[in-house]
N, C-alpha and C. Protein backbone atom coordinates (compact mmCIF):
# COMPACT_ATOMS: atom_id res chain seq x y z
N MET A 1 4.68 -122.71 78.36
CA MET A 1 4.92 -121.88 79.50
C MET A 1 4.98 -121.24 81.16
N THR A 2 5.54 -121.93 82.08
CA THR A 2 4.68 -122.11 83.21
C THR A 2 4.57 -120.90 83.93
N HIS A 3 3.88 -121.21 85.18
CA HIS A 3 3.18 -119.93 85.84
C HIS A 3 4.75 -118.98 86.42
N ARG A 4 5.39 -119.60 86.65
CA ARG A 4 6.79 -119.09 86.87
C ARG A 4 7.39 -118.05 85.81
N THR A 5 7.29 -118.14 84.50
CA THR A 5 7.61 -117.45 83.76
C THR A 5 6.77 -116.43 83.37
N VAL A 6 5.59 -116.90 83.33
CA VAL A 6 4.48 -115.62 83.02
C VAL A 6 4.86 -114.99 84.16
N LYS A 7 4.21 -114.93 85.60
CA LYS A 7 4.96 -114.26 86.52
C LYS A 7 5.85 -113.29 86.27
N ARG A 8 7.29 -113.68 86.00
CA ARG A 8 8.65 -112.84 85.44
C ARG A 8 8.16 -111.87 85.13
N LEU A 9 7.80 -112.31 83.57
CA LEU A 9 7.34 -111.36 83.11
C LEU A 9 6.30 -110.47 83.13
N ALA A 10 5.08 -110.83 83.60
CA ALA A 10 4.17 -109.53 84.30
C ALA A 10 5.17 -108.40 85.46
N ASP A 11 6.04 -108.75 86.03
CA ASP A 11 6.78 -108.20 87.09
C ASP A 11 7.89 -107.59 86.53
N ALA A 12 8.53 -107.61 85.48
CA ALA A 12 9.70 -106.92 84.76
C ALA A 12 8.95 -105.81 84.59
N ALA A 13 9.90 -104.97 84.65
CA ALA A 13 9.72 -103.09 84.46
C ALA A 13 10.05 -103.20 83.71
N ALA A 14 11.32 -103.53 83.27
CA ALA A 14 12.19 -103.58 81.76
C ALA A 14 12.97 -104.26 81.67
N PRO A 15 12.92 -104.62 80.14
CA PRO A 15 13.92 -105.55 79.30
C PRO A 15 14.58 -106.42 80.05
N GLU A 16 15.83 -105.00 80.71
CA GLU A 16 16.91 -106.12 81.73
C GLU A 16 16.90 -106.91 83.20
N ASP A 17 15.29 -106.77 83.26
CA ASP A 17 14.74 -107.54 84.59
C ASP A 17 14.41 -108.72 83.75
N LEU A 18 14.29 -109.06 82.98
CA LEU A 18 14.06 -110.42 82.15
C LEU A 18 15.39 -111.53 82.05
N PHE A 19 16.64 -110.49 81.94
CA PHE A 19 17.99 -111.40 82.20
C PHE A 19 18.28 -112.27 83.24
N GLN A 20 19.22 -113.26 82.91
CA GLN A 20 19.34 -114.06 83.99
C GLN A 20 20.56 -114.80 83.44
N GLY A 21 21.00 -115.90 84.41
CA GLY A 21 22.39 -116.31 84.02
C GLY A 21 23.31 -115.22 83.65
N GLN A 22 24.01 -116.01 82.15
CA GLN A 22 24.73 -115.40 81.46
C GLN A 22 24.33 -113.67 80.50
N TRP A 23 23.19 -113.66 81.02
CA TRP A 23 22.78 -112.35 80.10
C TRP A 23 22.43 -111.41 81.55
N GLN A 24 22.84 -111.51 82.85
CA GLN A 24 22.19 -110.98 83.55
C GLN A 24 22.81 -109.50 83.66
N ASN A 25 24.35 -109.65 83.48
CA ASN A 25 25.22 -108.40 83.67
C ASN A 25 26.03 -107.94 82.19
N ARG A 26 24.97 -108.38 81.32
CA ARG A 26 25.34 -107.80 80.09
C ARG A 26 25.34 -106.37 79.95
N PRO A 27 25.91 -105.57 79.12
CA PRO A 27 26.37 -104.38 78.34
C PRO A 27 24.72 -103.97 78.32
N THR A 28 24.47 -102.64 78.23
CA THR A 28 23.29 -102.06 78.40
C THR A 28 23.47 -100.55 77.27
N ILE A 29 22.05 -100.05 77.03
CA ILE A 29 22.69 -98.83 76.25
C ILE A 29 23.20 -97.94 77.18
N LEU A 30 22.61 -97.98 78.84
CA LEU A 30 22.82 -97.29 79.47
C LEU A 30 23.68 -96.43 80.14
N ASP A 31 24.86 -97.63 79.57
CA ASP A 31 26.25 -97.86 80.98
C ASP A 31 26.87 -96.81 80.65
N GLU A 32 27.03 -95.91 79.54
CA GLU A 32 28.41 -94.77 79.58
C GLU A 32 27.41 -93.58 80.16
N TYR A 33 26.30 -93.36 80.61
CA TYR A 33 25.56 -92.47 81.46
C TYR A 33 24.97 -92.99 82.43
N LYS A 34 25.89 -94.26 83.38
CA LYS A 34 25.08 -94.50 84.19
C LYS A 34 26.44 -93.18 85.12
N PRO A 35 27.45 -92.68 84.80
CA PRO A 35 28.15 -92.05 86.19
C PRO A 35 27.84 -90.56 85.72
N TYR A 36 26.98 -90.14 84.57
CA TYR A 36 26.25 -88.78 84.93
C TYR A 36 24.90 -88.94 85.60
N LEU A 37 24.47 -89.80 85.98
CA LEU A 37 23.30 -90.36 86.70
C LEU A 37 23.80 -90.60 87.91
N ASP A 38 24.82 -91.12 88.31
CA ASP A 38 25.68 -91.40 89.61
C ASP A 38 25.58 -90.06 90.51
N ASP A 39 26.04 -89.51 89.58
CA ASP A 39 26.49 -87.93 90.26
C ASP A 39 25.49 -86.97 90.05
N ARG A 40 24.39 -86.98 88.83
CA ARG A 40 23.43 -86.14 89.71
C ARG A 40 22.15 -87.08 90.86
N TRP A 41 22.55 -88.21 90.88
CA TRP A 41 21.57 -88.95 91.64
C TRP A 41 22.20 -87.62 93.71
N ASN A 42 23.58 -88.04 93.42
CA ASN A 42 24.19 -87.51 94.55
C ASN A 42 24.60 -86.00 94.90
N GLN A 43 23.58 -85.46 94.32
CA GLN A 43 23.58 -84.14 94.26
C GLN A 43 22.05 -83.76 94.66
N GLY A 44 21.23 -84.67 94.39
CA GLY A 44 19.86 -84.88 94.99
C GLY A 44 18.99 -84.89 94.08
N CYS A 45 19.06 -84.99 92.50
CA CYS A 45 17.89 -85.45 91.48
C CYS A 45 17.60 -86.84 91.89
N THR A 46 16.36 -87.04 91.70
CA THR A 46 16.38 -89.02 92.14
C THR A 46 14.77 -88.62 91.19
N ASN A 47 14.93 -88.11 90.43
CA ASN A 47 13.19 -88.47 89.73
C ASN A 47 14.06 -88.57 88.24
N ALA A 48 13.25 -89.95 87.51
CA ALA A 48 13.62 -90.41 86.72
C ALA A 48 13.15 -89.60 85.48
N TRP A 49 12.14 -89.83 85.35
CA TRP A 49 11.88 -88.49 84.54
C TRP A 49 12.70 -87.56 84.25
N ALA A 50 13.04 -86.62 84.83
CA ALA A 50 13.95 -85.49 85.25
C ALA A 50 14.98 -85.82 84.17
N LEU A 51 15.26 -86.66 84.91
CA LEU A 51 16.95 -87.16 84.06
C LEU A 51 17.37 -88.06 83.19
N TRP A 52 16.35 -88.70 82.19
CA TRP A 52 16.18 -89.03 81.25
C TRP A 52 15.88 -88.26 80.20
N GLU A 53 15.31 -86.79 80.73
CA GLU A 53 15.08 -85.69 79.55
C GLU A 53 16.27 -85.01 79.70
N GLU A 54 17.18 -85.16 80.52
CA GLU A 54 18.50 -84.77 81.07
C GLU A 54 19.40 -85.51 79.96
N ILE A 55 19.53 -86.41 79.65
CA ILE A 55 20.73 -87.33 79.12
C ILE A 55 20.35 -87.81 77.84
N ALA A 56 18.82 -87.12 77.46
CA ALA A 56 19.14 -87.82 75.75
C ALA A 56 19.53 -86.22 75.19
N PRO A 57 19.83 -85.19 74.83
CA PRO A 57 20.46 -84.50 74.59
C PRO A 57 21.80 -84.95 74.39
N PHE A 58 22.10 -86.01 75.60
CA PHE A 58 23.54 -86.29 74.97
C PHE A 58 23.37 -87.18 74.43
N GLY A 59 22.74 -88.14 73.87
CA GLY A 59 22.73 -88.73 73.04
C GLY A 59 21.93 -90.24 73.77
N TYR A 60 21.55 -90.22 74.36
CA TYR A 60 20.70 -91.34 75.10
C TYR A 60 19.07 -91.59 74.09
N LYS A 61 19.55 -92.90 73.86
CA LYS A 61 18.29 -93.36 72.88
C LYS A 61 17.49 -94.46 73.52
N GLY A 62 18.10 -94.60 74.98
CA GLY A 62 16.98 -95.94 75.31
C GLY A 62 15.78 -95.15 76.18
N SER A 63 15.11 -96.11 76.76
CA SER A 63 13.52 -95.31 77.07
C SER A 63 13.72 -95.03 78.35
N TYR A 64 13.05 -94.29 79.02
CA TYR A 64 13.05 -93.97 80.40
C TYR A 64 12.94 -95.16 81.37
N GLN A 65 12.39 -95.88 80.27
CA GLN A 65 11.55 -97.36 81.81
C GLN A 65 13.01 -97.67 82.26
N ARG A 66 14.25 -97.55 81.41
CA ARG A 66 15.78 -98.36 81.55
C ARG A 66 15.72 -97.36 82.65
N VAL A 67 15.96 -95.89 82.53
CA VAL A 67 16.64 -95.23 83.37
C VAL A 67 15.97 -95.16 84.86
N ARG A 68 14.62 -95.59 85.18
CA ARG A 68 13.67 -95.38 86.15
C ARG A 68 14.27 -97.08 87.06
N ALA A 69 14.39 -97.83 86.28
CA ALA A 69 14.91 -98.88 86.94
C ALA A 69 16.09 -99.52 87.59
N TYR A 70 16.83 -98.29 86.49
CA TYR A 70 18.31 -98.30 87.61
C TYR A 70 18.34 -97.40 87.98
N LEU A 71 17.67 -96.06 88.78
CA LEU A 71 17.22 -95.42 89.85
C LEU A 71 16.82 -96.48 91.21
N ARG A 72 15.70 -97.42 90.60
CA ARG A 72 15.09 -98.07 91.41
C ARG A 72 15.84 -98.43 91.96
N GLU A 73 17.22 -99.97 91.13
CA GLU A 73 18.23 -99.85 92.30
C GLU A 73 18.60 -99.80 92.95
N LYS A 74 19.07 -98.01 92.86
CA LYS A 74 19.92 -97.76 93.78
C LYS A 74 19.59 -97.11 94.94
N ARG A 75 18.03 -97.32 94.64
CA ARG A 75 17.02 -96.88 95.96
C ARG A 75 17.03 -98.13 96.95
N LEU A 76 17.03 -99.18 96.63
CA LEU A 76 17.60 -100.35 96.96
C LEU A 76 18.82 -100.57 97.27
N SER A 77 19.76 -99.63 97.37
CA SER A 77 20.78 -99.95 97.60
C SER A 77 21.17 -100.74 98.88
N PRO A 78 21.98 -101.77 99.18
CA PRO A 78 22.55 -101.87 100.23
C PRO A 78 22.60 -101.06 101.71
N GLY A 79 23.03 -99.64 101.32
CA GLY A 79 23.49 -98.81 102.02
C GLY A 79 22.18 -98.37 103.08
N LYS A 80 21.03 -98.70 102.25
CA LYS A 80 19.76 -98.26 102.85
C LYS A 80 19.53 -99.28 104.41
N VAL A 81 19.56 -100.79 104.03
CA VAL A 81 19.93 -101.58 105.04
C VAL A 81 20.75 -101.56 105.97
N SER A 82 21.88 -101.28 105.33
CA SER A 82 23.31 -100.87 106.87
C SER A 82 23.02 -99.66 107.31
N VAL A 83 21.76 -98.81 106.88
CA VAL A 83 22.06 -97.71 108.51
C VAL A 83 20.86 -97.74 108.56
N ARG A 84 19.81 -99.07 108.66
CA ARG A 84 19.24 -99.25 109.52
C ARG A 84 17.79 -98.74 108.87
N ALA A 85 17.17 -97.76 107.79
CA ALA A 85 16.17 -97.09 107.23
C ALA A 85 15.02 -97.77 107.12
N MET A 86 14.03 -97.12 106.87
CA MET A 86 12.98 -97.43 106.82
C MET A 86 12.78 -96.88 105.17
N MET A 87 12.07 -96.81 104.23
CA MET A 87 11.78 -96.69 102.22
C MET A 87 10.86 -97.43 101.56
N CYS A 88 10.02 -96.56 100.92
CA CYS A 88 8.84 -96.90 100.55
C CYS A 88 8.80 -97.48 98.92
N ILE A 89 9.02 -98.23 98.19
CA ILE A 89 9.40 -98.53 96.68
C ILE A 89 7.59 -98.34 96.46
N HIS A 90 7.02 -97.65 95.53
CA HIS A 90 5.81 -97.30 95.37
C HIS A 90 5.10 -97.25 93.78
N GLY A 91 3.92 -97.82 93.02
CA GLY A 91 4.44 -97.61 91.95
C GLY A 91 3.09 -98.70 91.69
N GLY A 92 2.66 -98.52 90.20
CA GLY A 92 1.15 -99.49 90.02
C GLY A 92 1.57 -100.76 89.55
N ALA A 93 0.36 -101.69 89.52
CA ALA A 93 0.56 -103.00 89.51
C ALA A 93 1.41 -103.33 87.75
N GLY A 94 2.43 -104.59 88.01
CA GLY A 94 3.19 -104.74 86.86
C GLY A 94 4.77 -104.11 86.62
N PHE A 95 4.64 -103.13 87.49
CA PHE A 95 5.86 -102.79 87.40
C PHE A 95 7.38 -103.28 87.98
N GLY A 96 6.93 -103.83 88.39
CA GLY A 96 8.87 -105.01 88.96
C GLY A 96 9.07 -104.63 90.33
N LYS A 97 8.52 -103.98 91.13
CA LYS A 97 8.32 -103.61 92.36
C LYS A 97 8.95 -104.58 93.37
N THR A 98 8.04 -105.88 93.80
CA THR A 98 8.73 -107.04 94.37
C THR A 98 9.44 -107.60 93.96
N LEU A 99 9.65 -107.65 92.53
CA LEU A 99 11.08 -108.45 91.93
C LEU A 99 12.00 -107.42 92.10
N ALA A 100 12.26 -106.47 92.07
CA ALA A 100 13.02 -105.35 92.55
C ALA A 100 14.05 -105.85 93.43
N VAL A 101 12.86 -105.65 94.84
CA VAL A 101 13.47 -105.83 95.85
C VAL A 101 13.79 -106.91 96.43
N ASN A 102 13.24 -108.16 96.22
CA ASN A 102 13.86 -109.31 96.34
C ASN A 102 14.91 -109.58 96.12
N THR A 103 15.29 -109.15 94.74
CA THR A 103 16.43 -109.00 93.74
C THR A 103 17.50 -108.40 94.76
N CYS A 104 17.13 -107.28 94.79
CA CYS A 104 18.70 -106.98 95.77
C CYS A 104 18.86 -107.32 97.11
N LEU A 105 17.91 -108.09 97.99
CA LEU A 105 17.64 -108.49 99.16
C LEU A 105 18.83 -109.83 99.43
N ARG A 106 18.57 -110.32 97.99
CA ARG A 106 18.73 -111.64 97.68
C ARG A 106 20.37 -111.95 97.77
N GLU A 107 20.99 -110.53 97.41
CA GLU A 107 22.08 -109.89 97.52
C GLU A 107 22.65 -109.69 98.86
N LEU A 108 22.27 -109.53 99.89
CA LEU A 108 21.88 -109.49 101.09
C LEU A 108 22.71 -110.56 101.80
N GLU A 109 21.78 -111.61 101.65
CA GLU A 109 21.28 -112.81 102.25
C GLU A 109 23.08 -113.98 101.81
N PRO A 110 23.06 -114.79 102.65
CA PRO A 110 22.31 -114.90 104.44
C PRO A 110 22.88 -113.91 105.49
N THR A 111 23.82 -113.23 104.60
CA THR A 111 24.69 -112.19 106.16
C THR A 111 23.22 -111.60 106.60
N GLU A 112 22.25 -111.36 106.15
CA GLU A 112 21.27 -110.23 106.74
C GLU A 112 20.27 -111.36 106.79
N ASP A 113 19.20 -110.76 107.94
CA ASP A 113 18.40 -111.93 108.23
C ASP A 113 16.71 -110.45 107.86
N VAL A 114 16.98 -111.30 106.63
CA VAL A 114 15.58 -111.45 105.99
C VAL A 114 13.82 -111.63 106.62
N ARG A 115 12.63 -111.50 106.48
CA ARG A 115 11.51 -111.17 107.04
C ARG A 115 10.64 -110.70 105.81
N ARG A 116 10.31 -111.55 105.42
CA ARG A 116 8.38 -111.25 104.67
C ARG A 116 7.92 -111.20 105.25
N VAL A 117 6.38 -110.32 105.31
CA VAL A 117 5.43 -110.32 105.22
C VAL A 117 4.39 -109.57 104.47
N THR A 118 3.35 -110.13 104.47
CA THR A 118 2.23 -109.63 103.35
C THR A 118 0.80 -109.16 103.41
N PHE A 119 0.32 -108.08 103.88
CA PHE A 119 -0.85 -107.92 104.09
C PHE A 119 -2.24 -107.78 103.14
N ARG A 120 -3.07 -108.27 103.00
CA ARG A 120 -4.42 -108.82 102.63
C ARG A 120 -5.68 -107.63 102.74
N ALA A 121 -5.51 -107.47 103.91
CA ALA A 121 -6.49 -106.51 104.77
C ALA A 121 -6.14 -105.62 105.29
N ARG A 122 -6.68 -104.44 105.16
CA ARG A 122 -6.35 -102.84 106.25
C ARG A 122 -6.37 -103.71 107.62
N PRO A 123 -5.03 -103.75 108.55
CA PRO A 123 -4.96 -104.85 109.65
C PRO A 123 -5.20 -103.62 110.46
N ALA A 124 -5.18 -103.65 111.59
CA ALA A 124 -5.01 -102.71 112.34
C ALA A 124 -3.55 -103.15 113.46
N ALA A 125 -3.19 -102.53 114.44
CA ALA A 125 -1.97 -102.85 115.38
C ALA A 125 -2.06 -104.35 115.86
N ARG A 126 -2.98 -104.92 116.03
CA ARG A 126 -2.84 -105.87 116.92
C ARG A 126 -2.44 -107.25 115.57
N ALA A 127 -3.25 -107.13 114.41
CA ALA A 127 -3.03 -107.80 113.23
C ALA A 127 -1.29 -107.68 112.89
N VAL A 128 -0.58 -106.52 113.00
CA VAL A 128 0.25 -106.43 112.72
C VAL A 128 1.17 -107.45 113.27
N ARG A 129 0.97 -106.92 115.00
CA ARG A 129 2.00 -108.25 116.13
C ARG A 129 1.83 -109.31 115.35
N TYR A 130 0.43 -109.74 115.45
CA TYR A 130 1.01 -111.08 115.26
C TYR A 130 1.44 -112.06 113.99
N GLU A 131 1.52 -111.12 112.92
CA GLU A 131 2.00 -111.13 111.69
C GLU A 131 3.99 -111.55 111.88
N LEU A 132 4.09 -110.23 113.20
CA LEU A 132 5.50 -110.10 112.71
C LEU A 132 5.71 -110.83 113.61
N PHE A 133 4.65 -111.35 114.80
CA PHE A 133 5.07 -113.11 115.86
C PHE A 133 5.88 -114.16 114.69
N THR A 134 4.57 -114.44 114.04
CA THR A 134 4.99 -115.26 112.99
C THR A 134 6.26 -115.61 112.08
N ALA A 135 6.57 -113.92 111.77
CA ALA A 135 7.52 -113.99 110.81
C ALA A 135 8.74 -113.88 111.35
N LEU A 136 8.77 -113.86 112.37
CA LEU A 136 10.24 -114.16 113.46
C LEU A 136 10.03 -115.39 114.79
N ASP A 137 9.28 -116.29 113.62
CA ASP A 137 9.36 -117.77 114.33
C ASP A 137 9.33 -117.84 116.10
N LEU A 138 8.67 -116.92 116.50
CA LEU A 138 8.57 -116.78 118.09
C LEU A 138 7.92 -118.48 118.75
N ALA A 139 8.60 -118.70 119.65
CA ALA A 139 7.78 -119.75 120.46
C ALA A 139 6.51 -119.12 121.43
N GLY A 140 6.00 -120.41 121.57
CA GLY A 140 5.15 -120.13 122.35
C GLY A 140 3.79 -119.89 121.42
N GLU A 141 2.98 -119.18 122.57
CA GLU A 141 2.09 -118.83 122.19
C GLU A 141 1.64 -117.02 122.51
N PRO A 142 1.17 -116.13 121.85
CA PRO A 142 1.40 -114.59 121.34
C PRO A 142 0.96 -114.28 122.90
N PRO A 143 1.49 -113.74 123.45
CA PRO A 143 0.60 -112.93 124.14
C PRO A 143 -0.25 -112.17 124.54
N CYS A 144 -1.25 -112.02 125.32
CA CYS A 144 -2.62 -111.43 125.04
C CYS A 144 -2.65 -110.05 124.72
N HIS A 145 -2.21 -109.33 125.96
CA HIS A 145 -1.91 -107.80 126.82
C HIS A 145 -1.10 -107.82 125.48
N PRO A 146 -1.61 -105.84 125.17
CA PRO A 146 -0.51 -105.68 124.20
C PRO A 146 0.80 -104.93 124.30
N SER A 147 0.81 -104.48 125.65
CA SER A 147 2.17 -103.89 126.35
C SER A 147 3.14 -105.39 126.37
N GLU A 148 2.39 -106.07 126.77
CA GLU A 148 3.45 -107.76 127.16
C GLU A 148 3.56 -108.08 125.45
N PHE A 149 2.50 -107.51 124.54
CA PHE A 149 2.96 -108.11 123.02
C PHE A 149 4.63 -107.41 122.51
N ASP A 150 4.11 -106.24 122.74
CA ASP A 150 5.38 -105.46 122.31
C ASP A 150 6.36 -105.11 122.98
N ARG A 151 6.16 -105.72 124.36
CA ARG A 151 8.09 -105.78 124.64
C ARG A 151 8.43 -107.36 124.63
N LEU A 152 7.54 -108.19 123.69
CA LEU A 152 8.39 -109.31 123.33
C LEU A 152 9.07 -109.10 121.81
N LEU A 153 8.40 -108.62 120.98
CA LEU A 153 8.46 -108.04 120.00
C LEU A 153 10.02 -106.69 119.63
N LYS A 154 10.55 -106.16 120.70
CA LYS A 154 10.71 -105.99 120.92
C LYS A 154 12.53 -106.47 121.23
N THR A 155 11.79 -106.61 122.28
CA THR A 155 13.50 -107.52 122.48
C THR A 155 13.91 -108.76 121.32
N ALA A 156 13.14 -109.41 120.43
CA ALA A 156 13.20 -110.40 119.64
C ALA A 156 14.10 -109.59 118.46
N LEU A 157 13.52 -108.22 118.52
CA LEU A 157 13.96 -107.39 117.12
C LEU A 157 15.62 -106.96 117.89
N ALA A 158 15.32 -106.92 118.88
CA ALA A 158 17.13 -106.51 119.57
C ALA A 158 18.13 -107.52 119.46
N GLU A 159 17.99 -108.30 119.06
CA GLU A 159 18.82 -109.79 119.12
C GLU A 159 20.09 -109.79 118.01
N ARG A 160 19.41 -109.01 116.66
CA ARG A 160 20.49 -109.22 115.39
C ARG A 160 19.54 -108.30 114.95
N PRO A 161 20.50 -107.52 113.75
CA PRO A 161 20.19 -106.73 112.27
C PRO A 161 18.76 -107.77 111.87
N ARG A 162 17.95 -106.85 111.59
CA ARG A 162 17.23 -107.73 110.48
C ARG A 162 16.51 -106.73 109.44
N THR A 163 16.22 -107.16 108.62
CA THR A 163 15.49 -106.70 107.51
C THR A 163 13.89 -106.81 107.51
N PHE A 164 13.05 -105.98 106.81
CA PHE A 164 11.77 -106.38 107.25
C PHE A 164 11.22 -106.07 105.68
N LEU A 165 10.64 -106.77 104.87
CA LEU A 165 10.55 -106.53 103.51
C LEU A 165 8.16 -107.03 103.83
N VAL A 166 8.13 -105.41 103.92
CA VAL A 166 6.84 -105.60 104.01
C VAL A 166 6.05 -105.03 102.39
N ASP A 167 5.23 -106.55 101.85
CA ASP A 167 4.46 -106.37 100.47
C ASP A 167 2.95 -105.98 100.88
N GLU A 168 2.42 -105.57 100.01
CA GLU A 168 1.14 -105.41 99.04
C GLU A 168 1.53 -103.91 100.57
N ALA A 169 1.78 -103.07 100.58
CA ALA A 169 1.78 -102.30 101.76
C ALA A 169 0.99 -101.03 101.84
N GLN A 170 0.01 -101.41 100.52
CA GLN A 170 -0.87 -100.08 100.13
C GLN A 170 -2.61 -100.19 101.42
N TRP A 171 -2.31 -101.75 101.76
CA TRP A 171 -3.42 -102.13 102.76
C TRP A 171 -2.73 -101.81 103.81
N LEU A 172 -1.82 -100.96 104.02
CA LEU A 172 -1.75 -100.43 105.98
C LEU A 172 -1.91 -99.04 105.39
N ASN A 173 -3.20 -99.06 107.25
CA ASN A 173 -3.32 -97.42 107.54
C ASN A 173 -2.42 -97.08 108.33
N GLY A 174 -2.78 -95.69 108.78
CA GLY A 174 -1.74 -95.15 109.40
C GLY A 174 -1.95 -95.48 110.90
N GLU A 175 -2.18 -96.29 111.03
CA GLU A 175 -2.39 -97.11 112.42
C GLU A 175 -1.06 -98.29 112.55
N ALA A 176 -1.12 -98.85 111.29
CA ALA A 176 -0.51 -100.05 111.33
C ALA A 176 1.16 -99.60 110.61
N PHE A 177 0.92 -98.48 110.10
CA PHE A 177 2.11 -97.86 109.57
C PHE A 177 3.12 -96.92 111.21
N GLU A 178 1.97 -96.26 112.04
CA GLU A 178 2.93 -96.05 112.89
C GLU A 178 3.16 -96.92 113.86
N TYR A 179 2.63 -97.80 113.83
CA TYR A 179 3.18 -99.32 114.63
C TYR A 179 4.79 -99.87 114.39
N PHE A 180 4.70 -99.55 112.64
CA PHE A 180 5.88 -99.92 112.76
C PHE A 180 6.94 -98.72 112.74
N ARG A 181 7.06 -97.59 112.42
CA ARG A 181 7.39 -96.53 112.91
C ARG A 181 8.01 -96.60 114.57
N TYR A 182 7.19 -97.19 115.33
CA TYR A 182 6.91 -97.67 116.54
C TYR A 182 8.29 -98.47 117.12
N LEU A 183 8.00 -99.73 116.41
CA LEU A 183 9.18 -100.53 116.44
C LEU A 183 10.85 -100.39 116.04
N TRP A 184 10.79 -99.28 115.00
CA TRP A 184 11.81 -99.43 114.50
C TRP A 184 12.25 -98.40 115.19
N ASP A 185 12.04 -96.79 115.91
CA ASP A 185 12.21 -96.01 116.76
C ASP A 185 13.05 -96.29 118.16
N GLU A 186 12.48 -97.90 118.65
CA GLU A 186 13.00 -98.33 119.34
C GLU A 186 14.06 -98.28 119.38
N PRO A 187 15.36 -97.56 120.11
CA PRO A 187 17.15 -97.98 120.23
C PRO A 187 17.54 -99.03 120.10
N ALA A 188 16.60 -99.86 120.85
CA ALA A 188 17.84 -101.23 120.97
C ALA A 188 17.25 -101.94 119.85
N THR A 189 16.18 -102.03 118.59
CA THR A 189 16.03 -102.77 117.87
C THR A 189 16.88 -101.81 116.57
N GLN A 190 17.05 -103.05 115.81
CA GLN A 190 17.77 -103.05 114.57
C GLN A 190 17.49 -103.08 113.44
N LEU A 191 16.67 -102.20 112.76
CA LEU A 191 15.37 -102.64 111.99
C LEU A 191 15.92 -102.18 110.78
N ALA A 192 15.15 -102.42 109.51
CA ALA A 192 15.40 -101.79 108.13
C ALA A 192 14.48 -102.71 107.69
N ILE A 193 13.35 -101.01 107.22
CA ILE A 193 11.88 -101.55 106.74
C ILE A 193 11.63 -100.97 105.03
N ILE A 194 11.39 -102.09 104.71
CA ILE A 194 10.87 -101.38 102.95
C ILE A 194 9.27 -101.84 102.66
N PHE A 195 8.57 -101.15 102.77
CA PHE A 195 7.16 -100.85 101.98
C PHE A 195 7.46 -101.04 100.83
N VAL A 196 6.76 -101.79 100.09
CA VAL A 196 6.53 -102.14 98.55
C VAL A 196 5.04 -102.02 98.75
N GLY A 197 4.69 -101.59 97.71
CA GLY A 197 3.13 -101.27 97.70
C GLY A 197 2.32 -100.14 96.42
N GLY A 198 1.05 -100.47 96.20
CA GLY A 198 0.87 -99.50 95.19
C GLY A 198 0.60 -97.64 95.73
N GLU A 199 0.21 -97.16 95.25
CA GLU A 199 0.78 -95.72 95.03
C GLU A 199 -0.30 -95.09 96.66
N GLY A 200 -1.16 -95.75 96.38
CA GLY A 200 -1.79 -95.47 98.39
C GLY A 200 -0.64 -95.48 98.74
N CYS A 201 -0.31 -96.64 99.25
CA CYS A 201 1.03 -96.71 100.06
C CYS A 201 1.64 -95.45 100.49
N HIS A 202 2.26 -95.16 99.29
CA HIS A 202 2.78 -93.63 99.57
C HIS A 202 1.68 -92.32 100.23
N THR A 203 0.59 -92.25 99.38
CA THR A 203 0.49 -91.76 99.86
C THR A 203 0.35 -91.80 101.65
N VAL A 204 -0.20 -92.81 101.96
CA VAL A 204 -0.81 -92.81 103.58
C VAL A 204 1.07 -92.41 104.37
N LEU A 205 1.56 -92.94 103.63
CA LEU A 205 2.97 -92.49 104.90
C LEU A 205 3.81 -91.01 104.19
N ARG A 206 3.30 -90.67 103.39
CA ARG A 206 3.87 -88.85 103.23
C ARG A 206 2.56 -88.38 104.06
N CYS A 207 1.76 -88.45 104.69
CA CYS A 207 0.73 -88.18 105.74
C CYS A 207 1.63 -88.62 107.17
N GLU A 208 1.99 -89.18 107.24
CA GLU A 208 2.44 -89.86 108.74
C GLU A 208 3.90 -89.84 108.59
N PRO A 209 4.30 -88.25 109.97
CA PRO A 209 5.79 -87.84 110.35
C PRO A 209 6.51 -88.99 110.66
N MET A 210 8.19 -89.37 109.70
CA MET A 210 8.59 -90.33 109.88
C MET A 210 10.02 -89.33 110.42
N THR A 211 10.27 -88.03 111.48
CA THR A 211 11.09 -87.92 112.23
C THR A 211 10.97 -88.43 113.55
């Protein structure tokens, strides 16, 4: 068994995440309940556990994990990217978060410019600047002064719509999240930002006003 196969098995949140090729779109036990789930989603109910409990009396015999995986796909729908939103996908290790996000983003490429950054330590805003500089493949040397650096990044991010996948976002602190929001709030930039990380990611984000 190859390393890639092991990783795919470990990242899968539900059995359907393992289907490939001709098996990828085969019917599932959840299909007949999806219209109901879609209606409840549009009404504002997005809790997977609550919706699983709602469809069980209607005859659904499948797992909670399958319902959760379907709702996760809805959270990652292209609509979130098209409106240039910020969102957070969080959960424990092995839930298949990054796999799900990358699968959805591959459907948008190559028309969407997707850039990926990963953090392994708690970066300050300065480190975030350098990561974005590298991810954007900007020419020359990074500016030394923060204001010049910010101006360069905002100019580059205003050139065309882009989506940033920020993986291992549980390592970000409030300062780093605030810097991403600073760039996202700039009227000229056309950014969608997807934070993917552990529960700590959501905890920090929840403390940061995103209005």
